[in-house]
Full PDB file with SEQRES, HELIX, SHEET, SSBOND, CRYST1, ORIGX, SCALE, CONECT and MASTER records, all heavy atoms in Angstrom:
SEQRES   1 A   45  SER ALA GLY MET PRO LEU ALA THR ARG LEU VAL GLN ILE          
SEQRES   2 A   45  ALA SER ASP LEU GLU GLN LEU ILE HIS GLN PHE GLN PRO          
SEQRES   3 A   45  ASP GLU ILE ALA VAL GLU GLU LEU PHE PHE SER LYS ASN          
SEQRES   4 A   45  ILE THR THR GLY ILE ALA                                      
HELIX    1 AA1 LEU A    6  PHE A   24  1                                  19    
HELIX    2 AA2 ILE A   40  ILE A   44  1                                   5    
CRYST1    1.000    1.000    1.000  90.00  90.00  90.00 P 1           1          
ORIGX1      1.000000  0.000000  0.000000        0.00000                         
ORIGX2      0.000000  1.000000  0.000000        0.00000                         
ORIGX3      0.000000  0.000000  1.000000        0.00000                         
SCALE1      1.000000  0.000000  0.000000        0.00000                         
SCALE2      0.000000  1.000000  0.000000        0.00000                         
SCALE3      0.000000  0.000000  1.000000        0.00000                         
ATOM      1  N   SER A   1       0.823  -1.212   0.000  1.00  0.00           N  
ATOM      2  CA  SER A   1       0.000   0.000   0.000  1.00  0.00           C  
ATOM      3  C   SER A   1       0.853   1.255   0.000  1.00  0.00           C  
ATOM      4  O   SER A   1       1.854   1.343   0.712  1.00  0.00           O  
ATOM      5  CB  SER A   1      -0.906   0.025   1.228  1.00  0.00           C  
ATOM      6  OG  SER A   1      -1.752  -1.090   1.215  1.00  0.00           O  
ATOM      7  N   ALA A   2       0.423   2.229  -0.770  1.00  0.00           N  
ATOM      8  CA  ALA A   2       1.156   3.492  -0.889  1.00  0.00           C  
ATOM      9  C   ALA A   2       1.253   4.223   0.437  1.00  0.00           C  
ATOM     10  O   ALA A   2       2.213   4.942   0.680  1.00  0.00           O  
ATOM     11  CB  ALA A   2       0.495   4.385  -1.933  1.00  0.00           C  
ATOM     12  N   GLY A   3       0.294   4.052   1.335  1.00  0.00           N  
ATOM     13  CA  GLY A   3       0.302   4.766   2.604  1.00  0.00           C  
ATOM     14  C   GLY A   3       1.273   4.210   3.635  1.00  0.00           C  
ATOM     15  O   GLY A   3       1.502   4.830   4.667  1.00  0.00           O  
ATOM     16  N   MET A   4       1.835   3.039   3.363  1.00  0.00           N  
ATOM     17  CA  MET A   4       2.755   2.418   4.316  1.00  0.00           C  
ATOM     18  C   MET A   4       4.142   3.053   4.226  1.00  0.00           C  
ATOM     19  O   MET A   4       4.568   3.437   3.138  1.00  0.00           O  
ATOM     20  CB  MET A   4       2.879   0.911   4.018  1.00  0.00           C  
ATOM     21  CG  MET A   4       1.598   0.126   4.182  1.00  0.00           C  
ATOM     22  SD  MET A   4       1.685  -1.551   3.470  1.00  0.00           S  
ATOM     23  CE  MET A   4       3.018  -2.284   4.374  1.00  0.00           C  
ATOM     24  N   PRO A   5       4.874   3.117   5.344  1.00  0.00           N  
ATOM     25  CA  PRO A   5       6.259   3.588   5.279  1.00  0.00           C  
ATOM     26  C   PRO A   5       7.091   2.641   4.403  1.00  0.00           C  
ATOM     27  O   PRO A   5       6.808   1.438   4.324  1.00  0.00           O  
ATOM     28  CB  PRO A   5       6.740   3.527   6.734  1.00  0.00           C  
ATOM     29  CG  PRO A   5       5.505   3.472   7.570  1.00  0.00           C  
ATOM     30  CD  PRO A   5       4.448   2.826   6.716  1.00  0.00           C  
ATOM     31  N   LEU A   6       8.107   3.179   3.747  1.00  0.00           N  
ATOM     32  CA  LEU A   6       8.945   2.377   2.848  1.00  0.00           C  
ATOM     33  C   LEU A   6       9.505   1.143   3.555  1.00  0.00           C  
ATOM     34  O   LEU A   6       9.474   0.037   3.003  1.00  0.00           O  
ATOM     35  CB  LEU A   6      10.086   3.224   2.269  1.00  0.00           C  
ATOM     36  CG  LEU A   6      11.062   2.476   1.355  1.00  0.00           C  
ATOM     37  CD1 LEU A   6      10.350   1.895   0.135  1.00  0.00           C  
ATOM     38  CD2 LEU A   6      12.198   3.392   0.929  1.00  0.00           C  
ATOM     39  N   ALA A   7       9.999   1.311   4.775  1.00  0.00           N  
ATOM     40  CA  ALA A   7      10.584   0.174   5.496  1.00  0.00           C  
ATOM     41  C   ALA A   7       9.562  -0.946   5.694  1.00  0.00           C  
ATOM     42  O   ALA A   7       9.889  -2.132   5.534  1.00  0.00           O  
ATOM     43  CB  ALA A   7      11.145   0.637   6.840  1.00  0.00           C  
ATOM     44  N   THR A   8       8.336  -0.585   6.003  1.00  0.00           N  
ATOM     45  CA  THR A   8       7.272  -1.578   6.185  1.00  0.00           C  
ATOM     46  C   THR A   8       6.971  -2.285   4.870  1.00  0.00           C  
ATOM     47  O   THR A   8       6.765  -3.508   4.840  1.00  0.00           O  
ATOM     48  CB  THR A   8       5.993  -0.895   6.725  1.00  0.00           C  
ATOM     49  OG1 THR A   8       6.335  -0.176   7.911  1.00  0.00           O  
ATOM     50  CG2 THR A   8       4.905  -1.903   7.026  1.00  0.00           C  
ATOM     51  N   ARG A   9       6.967  -1.540   3.783  1.00  0.00           N  
ATOM     52  CA  ARG A   9       6.724  -2.129   2.462  1.00  0.00           C  
ATOM     53  C   ARG A   9       7.835  -3.120   2.115  1.00  0.00           C  
ATOM     54  O   ARG A   9       7.566  -4.196   1.565  1.00  0.00           O  
ATOM     55  CB  ARG A   9       6.630  -1.035   1.406  1.00  0.00           C  
ATOM     56  CG  ARG A   9       5.420  -0.133   1.608  1.00  0.00           C  
ATOM     57  CD  ARG A   9       5.437   1.057   0.706  1.00  0.00           C  
ATOM     58  NE  ARG A   9       4.674   0.753  -0.507  1.00  0.00           N  
ATOM     59  CZ  ARG A   9       4.452   1.634  -1.461  1.00  0.00           C  
ATOM     60  NH1 ARG A   9       4.918   2.871  -1.371  1.00  0.00           N  
ATOM     61  NH2 ARG A   9       3.753   1.300  -2.520  1.00  0.00           N  
ATOM     62  N   LEU A  10       9.072  -2.769   2.426  1.00  0.00           N  
ATOM     63  CA  LEU A  10      10.207  -3.648   2.125  1.00  0.00           C  
ATOM     64  C   LEU A  10      10.130  -4.939   2.932  1.00  0.00           C  
ATOM     65  O   LEU A  10      10.423  -6.022   2.418  1.00  0.00           O  
ATOM     66  CB  LEU A  10      11.527  -2.923   2.377  1.00  0.00           C  
ATOM     67  CG  LEU A  10      11.783  -1.703   1.484  1.00  0.00           C  
ATOM     68  CD1 LEU A  10      13.069  -0.991   1.913  1.00  0.00           C  
ATOM     69  CD2 LEU A  10      11.838  -2.085   0.017  1.00  0.00           C  
ATOM     70  N   VAL A  11       9.725  -4.840   4.191  1.00  0.00           N  
ATOM     71  CA  VAL A  11       9.558  -6.039   5.024  1.00  0.00           C  
ATOM     72  C   VAL A  11       8.479  -6.937   4.427  1.00  0.00           C  
ATOM     73  O   VAL A  11       8.631  -8.159   4.356  1.00  0.00           O  
ATOM     74  CB  VAL A  11       9.225  -5.663   6.489  1.00  0.00           C  
ATOM     75  CG1 VAL A  11       8.768  -6.878   7.286  1.00  0.00           C  
ATOM     76  CG2 VAL A  11      10.434  -5.006   7.151  1.00  0.00           C  
ATOM     77  N   GLN A  12       7.387  -6.332   3.954  1.00  0.00           N  
ATOM     78  CA  GLN A  12       6.310  -7.121   3.351  1.00  0.00           C  
ATOM     79  C   GLN A  12       6.790  -7.821   2.076  1.00  0.00           C  
ATOM     80  O   GLN A  12       6.480  -8.983   1.848  1.00  0.00           O  
ATOM     81  CB  GLN A  12       5.103  -6.243   3.040  1.00  0.00           C  
ATOM     82  CG  GLN A  12       3.945  -7.053   2.461  1.00  0.00           C  
ATOM     83  CD  GLN A  12       2.721  -6.215   2.173  1.00  0.00           C  
ATOM     84  OE1 GLN A  12       2.531  -5.154   2.761  1.00  0.00           O  
ATOM     85  NE2 GLN A  12       1.899  -6.696   1.264  1.00  0.00           N  
ATOM     86  N   ILE A  13       7.548  -7.105   1.258  1.00  0.00           N  
ATOM     87  CA  ILE A  13       8.087  -7.710   0.029  1.00  0.00           C  
ATOM     88  C   ILE A  13       8.956  -8.910   0.380  1.00  0.00           C  
ATOM     89  O   ILE A  13       8.823  -9.987  -0.206  1.00  0.00           O  
ATOM     90  CB  ILE A  13       8.867  -6.666  -0.803  1.00  0.00           C  
ATOM     91  CG1 ILE A  13       7.889  -5.637  -1.396  1.00  0.00           C  
ATOM     92  CG2 ILE A  13       9.689  -7.338  -1.900  1.00  0.00           C  
ATOM     93  CD1 ILE A  13       8.558  -4.405  -1.982  1.00  0.00           C  
ATOM     94  N   ALA A  14       9.839  -8.743   1.358  1.00  0.00           N  
ATOM     95  CA  ALA A  14      10.725  -9.840   1.761  1.00  0.00           C  
ATOM     96  C   ALA A  14       9.925 -11.027   2.286  1.00  0.00           C  
ATOM     97  O   ALA A  14      10.189 -12.183   1.919  1.00  0.00           O  
ATOM     98  CB  ALA A  14      11.717  -9.356   2.813  1.00  0.00           C  
ATOM     99  N   SER A  15       8.937 -10.754   3.104  1.00  0.00           N  
ATOM    100  CA  SER A  15       8.128 -11.814   3.689  1.00  0.00           C  
ATOM    101  C   SER A  15       7.341 -12.575   2.618  1.00  0.00           C  
ATOM    102  O   SER A  15       7.321 -13.814   2.595  1.00  0.00           O  
ATOM    103  CB  SER A  15       7.173 -11.207   4.718  1.00  0.00           C  
ATOM    104  OG  SER A  15       6.312 -12.187   5.232  1.00  0.00           O  
ATOM    105  N   ASP A  16       6.708 -11.835   1.711  1.00  0.00           N  
ATOM    106  CA  ASP A  16       5.929 -12.479   0.645  1.00  0.00           C  
ATOM    107  C   ASP A  16       6.835 -13.261  -0.312  1.00  0.00           C  
ATOM    108  O   ASP A  16       6.476 -14.352  -0.758  1.00  0.00           O  
ATOM    109  CB  ASP A  16       5.117 -11.441  -0.124  1.00  0.00           C  
ATOM    110  CG  ASP A  16       3.966 -10.860   0.695  1.00  0.00           C  
ATOM    111  OD1 ASP A  16       3.746 -11.313   1.844  1.00  0.00           O  
ATOM    112  OD2 ASP A  16       3.294  -9.940   0.195  1.00  0.00           O  
ATOM    113  N   LEU A  17       8.007 -12.715  -0.603  1.00  0.00           N  
ATOM    114  CA  LEU A  17       8.951 -13.414  -1.479  1.00  0.00           C  
ATOM    115  C   LEU A  17       9.445 -14.692  -0.810  1.00  0.00           C  
ATOM    116  O   LEU A  17       9.552 -15.738  -1.460  1.00  0.00           O  
ATOM    117  CB  LEU A  17      10.127 -12.498  -1.840  1.00  0.00           C  
ATOM    118  CG  LEU A  17      11.185 -13.094  -2.756  1.00  0.00           C  
ATOM    119  CD1 LEU A  17      10.578 -13.597  -4.064  1.00  0.00           C  
ATOM    120  CD2 LEU A  17      12.273 -12.071  -3.030  1.00  0.00           C  
ATOM    121  N   GLU A  18       9.703 -14.616   0.474  1.00  0.00           N  
ATOM    122  CA  GLU A  18      10.122 -15.809   1.231  1.00  0.00           C  
ATOM    123  C   GLU A  18       9.053 -16.899   1.132  1.00  0.00           C  
ATOM    124  O   GLU A  18       9.360 -18.074   0.932  1.00  0.00           O  
ATOM    125  CB  GLU A  18      10.373 -15.419   2.685  1.00  0.00           C  
ATOM    126  CG  GLU A  18      10.980 -16.511   3.503  1.00  0.00           C  
ATOM    127  CD  GLU A  18      12.418 -16.220   3.885  1.00  0.00           C  
ATOM    128  OE1 GLU A  18      12.901 -15.108   3.696  1.00  0.00           O  
ATOM    129  OE2 GLU A  18      13.051 -17.175   4.368  1.00  0.00           O  
ATOM    130  N   GLN A  19       7.784 -16.509   1.252  1.00  0.00           N  
ATOM    131  CA  GLN A  19       6.685 -17.472   1.119  1.00  0.00           C  
ATOM    132  C   GLN A  19       6.674 -18.116  -0.267  1.00  0.00           C  
ATOM    133  O   GLN A  19       6.480 -19.327  -0.397  1.00  0.00           O  
ATOM    134  CB  GLN A  19       5.339 -16.800   1.373  1.00  0.00           C  
ATOM    135  CG  GLN A  19       5.017 -16.588   2.826  1.00  0.00           C  
ATOM    136  CD  GLN A  19       3.613 -16.014   2.988  1.00  0.00           C  
ATOM    137  OE1 GLN A  19       3.212 -15.101   2.267  1.00  0.00           O  
ATOM    138  NE2 GLN A  19       2.867 -16.562   3.938  1.00  0.00           N  
ATOM    139  N   LEU A  20       6.875 -17.291  -1.307  1.00  0.00           N  
ATOM    140  CA  LEU A  20       6.928 -17.831  -2.676  1.00  0.00           C  
ATOM    141  C   LEU A  20       8.062 -18.835  -2.827  1.00  0.00           C  
ATOM    142  O   LEU A  20       7.898 -19.891  -3.442  1.00  0.00           O  
ATOM    143  CB  LEU A  20       7.116 -16.697  -3.687  1.00  0.00           C  
ATOM    144  CG  LEU A  20       5.909 -15.850  -4.027  1.00  0.00           C  
ATOM    145  CD1 LEU A  20       6.322 -14.659  -4.881  1.00  0.00           C  
ATOM    146  CD2 LEU A  20       4.855 -16.682  -4.736  1.00  0.00           C  
ATOM    147  N   ILE A  21       9.213 -18.490  -2.290  1.00  0.00           N  
ATOM    148  CA  ILE A  21      10.385 -19.369  -2.387  1.00  0.00           C  
ATOM    149  C   ILE A  21      10.096 -20.705  -1.699  1.00  0.00           C  
ATOM    150  O   ILE A  21      10.376 -21.772  -2.253  1.00  0.00           O  
ATOM    151  CB  ILE A  21      11.630 -18.678  -1.801  1.00  0.00           C  
ATOM    152  CG1 ILE A  21      12.085 -17.558  -2.739  1.00  0.00           C  
ATOM    153  CG2 ILE A  21      12.748 -19.683  -1.547  1.00  0.00           C  
ATOM    154  CD1 ILE A  21      13.145 -16.630  -2.160  1.00  0.00           C  
ATOM    155  N   HIS A  22       9.522 -20.653  -0.526  1.00  0.00           N  
ATOM    156  CA  HIS A  22       9.227 -21.897   0.197  1.00  0.00           C  
ATOM    157  C   HIS A  22       8.135 -22.713  -0.492  1.00  0.00           C  
ATOM    158  O   HIS A  22       8.202 -23.941  -0.531  1.00  0.00           O  
ATOM    159  CB  HIS A  22       8.860 -21.602   1.647  1.00  0.00           C  
ATOM    160  CG  HIS A  22      10.026 -21.151   2.458  1.00  0.00           C  
ATOM    161  ND1 HIS A  22      11.096 -21.959   2.780  1.00  0.00           N  
ATOM    162  CD2 HIS A  22      10.317 -19.934   2.982  1.00  0.00           C  
ATOM    163  CE1 HIS A  22      11.987 -21.286   3.474  1.00  0.00           C  
ATOM    164  NE2 HIS A  22      11.551 -20.043   3.602  1.00  0.00           N  
ATOM    165  N   GLN A  23       7.161 -22.045  -1.078  1.00  0.00           N  
ATOM    166  CA  GLN A  23       6.074 -22.754  -1.741  1.00  0.00           C  
ATOM    167  C   GLN A  23       6.512 -23.394  -3.058  1.00  0.00           C  
ATOM    168  O   GLN A  23       6.137 -24.525  -3.351  1.00  0.00           O  
ATOM    169  CB  GLN A  23       4.908 -21.798  -2.004  1.00  0.00           C  
ATOM    170  CG  GLN A  23       3.720 -22.466  -2.668  1.00  0.00           C  
ATOM    171  CD  GLN A  23       2.552 -21.516  -2.868  1.00  0.00           C  
ATOM    172  OE1 GLN A  23       2.567 -20.370  -2.431  1.00  0.00           O  
ATOM    173  NE2 GLN A  23       1.519 -21.992  -3.541  1.00  0.00           N  
ATOM    174  N   PHE A  24       7.306 -22.676  -3.864  1.00  0.00           N  
ATOM    175  CA  PHE A  24       7.607 -23.154  -5.212  1.00  0.00           C  
ATOM    176  C   PHE A  24       9.021 -23.698  -5.384  1.00  0.00           C  
ATOM    177  O   PHE A  24       9.324 -24.269  -6.434  1.00  0.00           O  
ATOM    178  CB  PHE A  24       7.331 -22.045  -6.232  1.00  0.00           C  
ATOM    179  CG  PHE A  24       5.868 -21.718  -6.334  1.00  0.00           C  
ATOM    180  CD1 PHE A  24       5.350 -20.588  -5.720  1.00  0.00           C  
ATOM    181  CD2 PHE A  24       5.003 -22.565  -7.000  1.00  0.00           C  
ATOM    182  CE1 PHE A  24       3.998 -20.281  -5.790  1.00  0.00           C  
ATOM    183  CE2 PHE A  24       3.643 -22.283  -7.082  1.00  0.00           C  
ATOM    184  CZ  PHE A  24       3.138 -21.138  -6.479  1.00  0.00           C  
ATOM    185  N   GLN A  25       9.898 -23.507  -4.404  1.00  0.00           N  
ATOM    186  CA  GLN A  25      11.248 -24.080  -4.422  1.00  0.00           C  
ATOM    187  C   GLN A  25      11.999 -23.851  -5.740  1.00  0.00           C  
ATOM    188  O   GLN A  25      12.424 -24.805  -6.410  1.00  0.00           O  
ATOM    189  CB  GLN A  25      11.179 -25.592  -4.139  1.00  0.00           C  
ATOM    190  CG  GLN A  25      10.562 -25.955  -2.802  1.00  0.00           C  
ATOM    191  CD  GLN A  25      11.453 -25.573  -1.630  1.00  0.00           C  
ATOM    192  OE1 GLN A  25      12.613 -25.913  -1.597  1.00  0.00           O  
ATOM    193  NE2 GLN A  25      10.902 -24.817  -0.701  1.00  0.00           N  
ATOM    194  N   PRO A  26      12.194 -22.589  -6.144  1.00  0.00           N  
ATOM    195  CA  PRO A  26      12.910 -22.352  -7.407  1.00  0.00           C  
ATOM    196  C   PRO A  26      14.385 -22.752  -7.294  1.00  0.00           C  
ATOM    197  O   PRO A  26      14.984 -22.669  -6.215  1.00  0.00           O  
ATOM    198  CB  PRO A  26      12.770 -20.837  -7.603  1.00  0.00           C  
ATOM    199  CG  PRO A  26      12.606 -20.297  -6.218  1.00  0.00           C  
ATOM    200  CD  PRO A  26      11.838 -21.345  -5.462  1.00  0.00           C  
ATOM    201  N   ASP A  27      14.936 -23.195  -8.419  1.00  0.00           N  
ATOM    202  CA  ASP A  27      16.367 -23.523  -8.480  1.00  0.00           C  
ATOM    203  C   ASP A  27      17.195 -22.266  -8.653  1.00  0.00           C  
ATOM    204  O   ASP A  27      18.324 -22.181  -8.160  1.00  0.00           O  
ATOM    205  CB  ASP A  27      16.646 -24.478  -9.652  1.00  0.00           C  
ATOM    206  CG  ASP A  27      15.890 -25.780  -9.497  1.00  0.00           C  
ATOM    207  OD1 ASP A  27      16.083 -26.453  -8.466  1.00  0.00           O  
ATOM    208  OD2 ASP A  27      15.098 -26.112 -10.399  1.00  0.00           O  
ATOM    209  N   GLU A  28      16.637 -21.305  -9.400  1.00  0.00           N  
ATOM    210  CA  GLU A  28      17.333 -20.055  -9.684  1.00  0.00           C  
ATOM    211  C   GLU A  28      16.318 -18.922  -9.757  1.00  0.00           C  
ATOM    212  O   GLU A  28      15.136 -19.164 -10.019  1.00  0.00           O  
ATOM    213  CB  GLU A  28      18.113 -20.159 -10.999  1.00  0.00           C  
ATOM    214  CG  GLU A  28      19.201 -21.222 -10.922  1.00  0.00           C  
ATOM    215  CD  GLU A  28      19.966 -21.426 -12.217  1.00  0.00           C  
ATOM    216  OE1 GLU A  28      19.531 -20.972 -13.289  1.00  0.00           O  
ATOM    217  OE2 GLU A  28      21.028 -22.074 -12.155  1.00  0.00           O  
ATOM    218  N   ILE A  29      16.819 -17.709  -9.519  1.00  0.00           N  
ATOM    219  CA  ILE A  29      15.972 -16.527  -9.589  1.00  0.00           C  
ATOM    220  C   ILE A  29      16.559 -15.577 -10.630  1.00  0.00           C  
ATOM    221  O   ILE A  29      17.770 -15.353 -10.652  1.00  0.00           O  
ATOM    222  CB  ILE A  29      15.865 -15.833  -8.213  1.00  0.00           C  
ATOM    223  CG1 ILE A  29      15.129 -16.753  -7.226  1.00  0.00           C  
ATOM    224  CG2 ILE A  29      15.160 -14.483  -8.329  1.00  0.00           C  
ATOM    225  CD1 ILE A  29      15.036 -16.209  -5.816  1.00  0.00           C  
ATOM    226  N   ALA A  30      15.699 -15.054 -11.483  1.00  0.00           N  
ATOM    227  CA  ALA A  30      16.107 -14.074 -12.488  1.00  0.00           C  
ATOM    228  C   ALA A  30      15.409 -12.756 -12.164  1.00  0.00           C  
ATOM    229  O   ALA A  30      14.199 -12.725 -11.957  1.00  0.00           O  
ATOM    230  CB  ALA A  30      15.712 -14.553 -13.889  1.00  0.00           C  
ATOM    231  N   VAL A  31      16.195 -11.684 -12.089  1.00  0.00           N  
ATOM    232  CA  VAL A  31      15.675 -10.371 -11.711  1.00  0.00           C  
ATOM    233  C   VAL A  31      16.046  -9.362 -12.782  1.00  0.00           C  
ATOM    234  O   VAL A  31      17.175  -9.374 -13.288  1.00  0.00           O  
ATOM    235  CB  VAL A  31      16.265  -9.917 -10.354  1.00  0.00           C  
ATOM    236  CG1 VAL A  31      15.720  -8.566  -9.941  1.00  0.00           C  
ATOM    237  CG2 VAL A  31      16.012 -10.948  -9.276  1.00  0.00           C  
ATOM    238  N   GLU A  32      15.105  -8.480 -13.095  1.00  0.00           N  
ATOM    239  CA  GLU A  32      15.418  -7.422 -14.047  1.00  0.00           C  
ATOM    240  C   GLU A  32      16.308  -6.382 -13.379  1.00  0.00           C  
ATOM    241  O   GLU A  32      16.068  -5.995 -12.238  1.00  0.00           O  
ATOM    242  CB  GLU A  32      14.142  -6.756 -14.563  1.00  0.00           C  
ATOM    243  CG  GLU A  32      14.424  -5.784 -15.695  1.00  0.00           C  
ATOM    244  CD  GLU A  32      13.156  -5.293 -16.352  1.00  0.00           C  
ATOM    245  OE1 GLU A  32      12.369  -4.621 -15.668  1.00  0.00           O  
ATOM    246  OE2 GLU A  32      12.961  -5.595 -17.538  1.00  0.00           O  
ATOM    247  N   GLU A  33      17.343  -5.964 -14.102  1.00  0.00           N  
ATOM    248  CA  GLU A  33      18.213  -4.912 -13.599  1.00  0.00           C  
ATOM    249  C   GLU A  33      17.451  -3.600 -13.577  1.00  0.00           C  
ATOM    250  O   GLU A  33      16.517  -3.394 -14.343  1.00  0.00           O  
ATOM    251  CB  GLU A  33      19.466  -4.772 -14.477  1.00  0.00           C  
ATOM    252  CG  GLU A  33      20.455  -5.882 -14.235  1.00  0.00           C  
ATOM    253  CD  GLU A  33      21.771  -5.650 -14.950  1.00  0.00           C  
ATOM    254  OE1 GLU A  33      21.944  -4.609 -15.625  1.00  0.00           O  
ATOM    255  OE2 GLU A  33      22.634  -6.523 -14.841  1.00  0.00           O  
ATOM    256  N   LEU A  34      17.866  -2.729 -12.705  1.00  0.00           N  
ATOM    257  CA  LEU A  34      17.199  -1.448 -12.546  1.00  0.00           C  
ATOM    258  C   LEU A  34      17.451  -0.553 -13.745  1.00  0.00           C  
ATOM    259  O   LEU A  34      18.570  -0.437 -14.225  1.00  0.00           O  
ATOM    260  CB  LEU A  34      17.714  -0.763 -11.271  1.00  0.00           C  
ATOM    261  CG  LEU A  34      16.960   0.447 -10.789  1.00  0.00           C  
ATOM    262  CD1 LEU A  34      15.486   0.130 -10.585  1.00  0.00           C  
ATOM    263  CD2 LEU A  34      17.564   0.946  -9.495  1.00  0.00           C  
ATOM    264  N   PHE A  35      16.376   0.037 -14.218  1.00  0.00           N  
ATOM    265  CA  PHE A  35      16.453   0.967 -15.338  1.00  0.00           C  
ATOM    266  C   PHE A  35      15.900   2.297 -14.863  1.00  0.00           C  
ATOM    267  O   PHE A  35      14.722   2.396 -14.530  1.00  0.00           O  
ATOM    268  CB  PHE A  35      15.640   0.441 -16.530  1.00  0.00           C  
ATOM    269  CG  PHE A  35      15.570   1.406 -17.672  1.00  0.00           C  
ATOM    270  CD1 PHE A  35      16.653   1.593 -18.507  1.00  0.00           C  
ATOM    271  CD2 PHE A  35      14.420   2.148 -17.909  1.00  0.00           C  
ATOM    272  CE1 PHE A  35      16.596   2.481 -19.570  1.00  0.00           C  
ATOM    273  CE2 PHE A  35      14.348   3.037 -18.964  1.00  0.00           C  
ATOM    274  CZ  PHE A  35      15.443   3.206 -19.796  1.00  0.00           C  
ATOM    275  N   PHE A  36      16.757   3.283 -14.755  1.00  0.00           N  
ATOM    276  CA  PHE A  36      16.313   4.607 -14.316  1.00  0.00           C  
ATOM    277  C   PHE A  36      15.741   5.352 -15.503  1.00  0.00           C  
ATOM    278  O   PHE A  36      16.403   5.567 -16.500  1.00  0.00           O  
ATOM    279  CB  PHE A  36      17.484   5.423 -13.752  1.00  0.00           C  
ATOM    280  CG  PHE A  36      17.794   5.100 -12.333  1.00  0.00           C  
ATOM    281  CD1 PHE A  36      18.803   4.215 -12.013  1.00  0.00           C  
ATOM    282  CD2 PHE A  36      17.062   5.673 -11.308  1.00  0.00           C  
ATOM    283  CE1 PHE A  36      19.092   3.914 -10.706  1.00  0.00           C  
ATOM    284  CE2 PHE A  36      17.347   5.383  -9.989  1.00  0.00           C  
ATOM    285  CZ  PHE A  36      18.368   4.505  -9.680  1.00  0.00           C  
ATOM    286  N   SER A  37      14.487   5.750 -15.370  1.00  0.00           N  
ATOM    287  CA  SER A  37      13.900   6.601 -16.402  1.00  0.00           C  
ATOM    288  C   SER A  37      13.990   8.039 -15.908  1.00  0.00           C  
ATOM    289  O   SER A  37      15.000   8.426 -15.352  1.00  0.00           O  
ATOM    290  CB  SER A  37      12.464   6.164 -16.693  1.00  0.00           C  
ATOM    291  OG  SER A  37      11.701   6.191 -15.505  1.00  0.00           O  
ATOM    292  N   LYS A  38      12.946   8.790 -16.052  1.00  0.00           N  
ATOM    293  CA  LYS A  38      13.007  10.203 -15.691  1.00  0.00           C  
ATOM    294  C   LYS A  38      12.825  10.457 -14.204  1.00  0.00           C  
ATOM    295  O   LYS A  38      13.290  11.452 -13.688  1.00  0.00           O  
ATOM    296  CB  LYS A  38      11.958  10.982 -16.492  1.00  0.00           C  
ATOM    297  CG  LYS A  38      12.264  10.961 -17.966  1.00  0.00           C  
ATOM    298  CD  LYS A  38      11.209  11.649 -18.785  1.00  0.00           C  
ATOM    299  CE  LYS A  38      11.647  11.578 -20.241  1.00  0.00           C  
ATOM    300  NZ  LYS A  38      10.580  11.696 -21.165  1.00  0.00           N  
ATOM    301  N   ASN A  39      12.131   9.579 -13.497  1.00  0.00           N  
ATOM    302  CA  ASN A  39      11.832   9.827 -12.091  1.00  0.00           C  
ATOM    303  C   ASN A  39      12.845   9.117 -11.194  1.00  0.00           C  
ATOM    304  O   ASN A  39      12.690   7.945 -10.870  1.00  0.00           O  
ATOM    305  CB  ASN A  39      10.409   9.369 -11.762  1.00  0.00           C  
ATOM    306  CG  ASN A  39       9.972   9.800 -10.386  1.00  0.00           C  
ATOM    307  OD1 ASN A  39      10.785  10.161  -9.538  1.00  0.00           O  
ATOM    308  ND2 ASN A  39       8.673   9.752 -10.148  1.00  0.00           N  
ATOM    309  N   ILE A  40      13.864   9.814 -10.771  1.00  0.00           N  
ATOM    310  CA  ILE A  40      14.924   9.229  -9.951  1.00  0.00           C  
ATOM    311  C   ILE A  40      14.419   8.826  -8.573  1.00  0.00           C  
ATOM    312  O   ILE A  40      14.886   7.855  -7.997  1.00  0.00           O  
ATOM    313  CB  ILE A  40      16.155  10.152  -9.856  1.00  0.00           C  
ATOM    314  CG1 ILE A  40      17.339   9.416  -9.251  1.00  0.00           C  
ATOM    315  CG2 ILE A  40      15.871  11.368  -9.043  1.00  0.00           C  
ATOM    316  CD1 ILE A  40      18.532   9.408 -10.112  1.00  0.00           C  
ATOM    317  N   THR A  41      13.431   9.547  -8.034  1.00  0.00           N  
ATOM    318  CA  THR A  41      12.888   9.219  -6.712  1.00  0.00           C  
ATOM    319  C   THR A  41      12.254   7.833  -6.732  1.00  0.00           C  
ATOM    320  O   THR A  41      12.489   7.025  -5.826  1.00  0.00           O  
ATOM    321  CB  THR A  41      11.852  10.270  -6.278  1.00  0.00           C  
ATOM    322  OG1 THR A  41      12.470  11.558  -6.339  1.00  0.00           O  
ATOM    323  CG2 THR A  41      11.354  10.017  -4.874  1.00  0.00           C  
ATOM    324  N   THR A  42      11.475   7.539  -7.752  1.00  0.00           N  
ATOM    325  CA  THR A  42      10.881   6.213  -7.894  1.00  0.00           C  
ATOM    326  C   THR A  42      11.980   5.168  -8.070  1.00  0.00           C  
ATOM    327  O   THR A  42      11.920   4.083  -7.490  1.00  0.00           O  
ATOM    328  CB  THR A  42       9.921   6.168  -9.104  1.00  0.00           C  
ATOM    329  OG1 THR A  42       8.918   7.151  -8.902  1.00  0.00           O  
ATOM    330  CG2 THR A  42       9.288   4.812  -9.266  1.00  0.00           C  
ATOM    331  N   GLY A  43      12.990   5.502  -8.852  1.00  0.00           N  
ATOM    332  CA  GLY A  43      14.109   4.585  -9.083  1.00  0.00           C  
ATOM    333  C   GLY A  43      14.831   4.217  -7.806  1.00  0.00           C  
ATOM    334  O   GLY A  43      15.230   3.066  -7.612  1.00  0.00           O  
ATOM    335  N   ILE A  44      14.976   5.155  -6.910  1.00  0.00           N  
ATOM    336  CA  ILE A  44      15.652   4.878  -5.642  1.00  0.00           C  
ATOM    337  C   ILE A  44      14.821   3.917  -4.798  1.00  0.00           C  
ATOM    338  O   ILE A  44      15.350   2.967  -4.213  1.00  0.00           O  
ATOM    339  CB  ILE A  44      15.963   6.191  -4.889  1.00  0.00           C  
ATOM    340  CG1 ILE A  44      17.049   6.961  -5.651  1.00  0.00           C  
ATOM    341  CG2 ILE A  44      16.397   5.920  -3.458  1.00  0.00           C  
ATOM    342  CD1 ILE A  44      17.292   8.369  -5.157  1.00  0.00           C  
ATOM    343  N   ALA A  45      13.518   4.121  -4.732  1.00  0.00           N  
ATOM    344  CA  ALA A  45      12.643   3.214  -3.979  1.00  0.00           C  
ATOM    345  C   ALA A  45      12.690   1.810  -4.578  1.00  0.00           C  
ATOM    346  O   ALA A  45      12.760   0.814  -3.842  1.00  0.00           O  
ATOM    347  CB  ALA A  45      11.215   3.747  -3.958  1.00  0.00           C  
TER     348      ALA A  45                                                      
MASTER        0    0    0    2    0    0    0    6  347    1    0    4          
END                                                                             
């Protein structure tokens, strides 16, 4: 949720990702590299 503090959002992302990892047991993870467009503030988050 947009109203949550960034730190709380990051904890939720980690927790939900951990659940996905335990449920689906991936061998490898592929992540898109960060691409900064015009909004640097969004890019930092």
